[in-house]
């Protein structure tokens, strides 16, 4: 069986609290990712996803002024240990109605697993 650690993205894209939603969106585009982790004093405290930006920023009644990422982030991050199987990750995403999981090792976030990662070709025997 394939584990979460085998498919997770290890290159974490992080912004600090106080970063504007617009800057975070530009960084997501530049890095070709669907989410950014939000850190405060070196600790990951939340996540902002494409869906958050569309639903909580673009689709809101807020004006086009400065909005910090912490105003729209999801927190706490739903996490899963890197040694868990993909079936557990899919079940956790379904239960929490989320498309991104923080992958942890020893209590620290070491990667991100998105629903897109679950769609990568995998033989039925490995799943």
Protein backbone atom coordinates (compact mmCIF):
# COMPACT_ATOMS: atom_id res chain seq x y z
CA UNK A 1 0.00 0.00 0.00
CA UNK A 2 1.11 3.52 -0.76
CA UNK A 3 1.64 5.89 2.15
CA UNK A 4 0.89 9.58 2.39
CA UNK A 5 4.62 10.30 2.61
CA UNK A 6 5.20 8.77 -0.81
CA UNK A 7 2.81 11.18 -2.60
CA UNK A 8 2.97 14.33 -0.50
CA UNK A 9 4.49 17.57 -1.76
CA UNK A 10 7.63 18.24 0.25
CA UNK A 11 8.34 21.74 -1.01
CA UNK A 12 6.23 23.78 1.38
CA UNK A 13 5.17 27.26 0.32
CA UNK A 14 4.74 29.43 3.39
CA UNK A 15 3.85 33.06 4.10
CA UNK A 16 3.83 34.92 7.38
CA UNK A 17 0.77 36.36 9.04
CA UNK A 18 0.24 39.88 7.82
CA UNK A 19 0.81 38.91 4.19
CA UNK A 20 -1.99 40.11 1.92
CA UNK A 21 -4.30 37.62 0.27
CA UNK A 22 -3.30 39.08 -3.10
CA UNK A 23 0.41 38.46 -2.42
CA UNK A 24 -0.36 34.90 -1.30
CA UNK A 25 -2.34 34.29 -4.52
CA UNK A 26 0.54 35.61 -6.62
CA UNK A 27 2.95 33.30 -4.79
CA UNK A 28 0.63 30.33 -5.36
CA UNK A 29 0.61 31.11 -9.09
CA UNK A 30 4.39 31.56 -9.25
CA UNK A 31 5.00 28.28 -7.39
CA UNK A 32 2.20 26.42 -9.22
CA UNK A 33 0.55 25.27 -5.98
CA UNK A 34 -3.03 25.26 -4.74
CA UNK A 35 -2.30 26.32 -1.18
CA UNK A 36 0.09 28.19 1.09
CA UNK A 37 0.80 27.53 4.73
CA UNK A 38 0.48 30.44 7.13
CA UNK A 39 3.16 30.80 9.79
CA UNK A 40 3.44 32.94 12.87
CA UNK A 41 6.73 33.18 14.74
CA UNK A 42 8.07 30.16 12.84
CA UNK A 43 5.08 27.93 13.60
CA UNK A 44 2.50 26.82 11.01
CA UNK A 45 -0.90 28.01 12.20
CA UNK A 46 -3.13 27.65 9.15
CA UNK A 47 -3.56 27.19 5.44
CA UNK A 48 -5.01 29.29 2.62
CA UNK A 49 -6.22 27.44 -0.45
CA UNK A 50 -7.52 28.45 -3.86
CA UNK A 51 -11.02 27.73 -2.57
CA UNK A 52 -10.49 30.01 0.42
CA UNK A 53 -9.43 32.84 -1.88
CA UNK A 54 -12.43 32.39 -4.17
CA UNK A 55 -15.05 31.90 -1.45
CA UNK A 56 -13.79 34.14 1.34
CA UNK A 57 -12.09 36.93 -0.62
CA UNK A 58 -13.22 37.20 -4.24
CA UNK A 59 -16.76 36.00 -3.57
CA UNK A 60 -17.28 38.09 -0.44
CA UNK A 61 -18.73 41.56 -0.10
CA UNK A 62 -15.36 42.91 1.00
CA UNK A 63 -13.89 45.79 -0.93
CA UNK A 64 -10.60 45.48 -2.80
CA UNK A 65 -8.52 46.67 0.14
CA UNK A 66 -5.79 44.94 2.13
CA UNK A 67 -6.93 41.71 3.73
CA UNK A 68 -4.36 39.60 5.59
CA UNK A 69 -4.19 35.87 4.97
CA UNK A 70 -5.07 35.09 8.57
CA UNK A 71 -8.53 36.59 7.96
CA UNK A 72 -9.40 33.84 5.45
CA UNK A 73 -7.15 30.94 6.48
CA UNK A 74 -8.43 27.59 7.66
CA UNK A 75 -7.11 26.79 11.10
CA UNK A 76 -6.12 24.46 12.54
CA UNK A 77 -4.84 22.44 9.61
CA UNK A 78 -6.29 18.96 9.37
CA UNK A 79 -3.25 16.72 9.59
CA UNK A 80 -2.20 13.16 8.97
CA UNK A 81 1.02 11.29 9.76
CA UNK A 82 3.24 10.58 6.75
CA UNK A 83 3.24 6.83 7.45
CA UNK A 84 -0.57 6.54 7.08
CA UNK A 85 -2.08 4.94 4.00
CA UNK A 86 -3.79 6.88 1.20
CA UNK A 87 -7.12 5.34 2.04
CA UNK A 88 -6.90 6.93 5.49
CA UNK A 89 -6.06 10.30 3.91
CA UNK A 90 -9.03 10.10 1.53
CA UNK A 91 -11.34 9.21 4.43
CA UNK A 92 -10.00 12.09 6.54
CA UNK A 93 -10.49 14.56 3.67
CA UNK A 94 -14.06 13.34 3.25
CA UNK A 95 -14.87 13.55 6.96
CA UNK A 96 -13.49 17.09 7.28
CA UNK A 97 -14.69 18.27 3.85
CA UNK A 98 -11.21 19.47 2.95
CA UNK A 99 -9.01 19.11 -0.13
CA UNK A 100 -5.66 19.57 1.63
CA UNK A 101 -4.03 17.79 4.54
CA UNK A 102 -0.94 18.83 6.41
CA UNK A 103 1.39 15.85 6.52
CA UNK A 104 3.16 15.51 9.83
CA UNK A 105 6.17 13.73 11.23
CA UNK A 106 6.92 13.99 14.90
CA UNK A 107 4.33 16.73 15.31
CA UNK A 108 5.80 19.02 12.63
CA UNK A 109 4.31 19.70 9.20
CA UNK A 110 6.67 18.16 6.63
CA UNK A 111 4.44 18.15 3.56
CA UNK A 112 1.05 18.77 1.98
CA UNK A 113 -1.25 16.20 0.43
CA UNK A 114 -3.99 17.48 -1.84
CA UNK A 115 -6.92 15.70 -3.39
CA UNK A 116 -5.11 16.15 -6.71
CA UNK A 117 -2.26 14.06 -5.37
CA UNK A 118 -4.73 11.22 -4.77
CA UNK A 119 -5.63 11.30 -8.46
CA UNK A 120 -2.12 10.47 -9.64
CA UNK A 121 -2.05 7.20 -11.51
CA UNK A 122 -1.72 4.36 -9.08
CA UNK A 123 -2.13 0.71 -9.88
CA UNK A 124 -5.06 -0.94 -8.14
CA UNK A 125 -2.70 -3.45 -6.52
CA UNK A 126 -0.72 -0.71 -4.80
CA UNK A 127 -3.78 1.17 -3.55
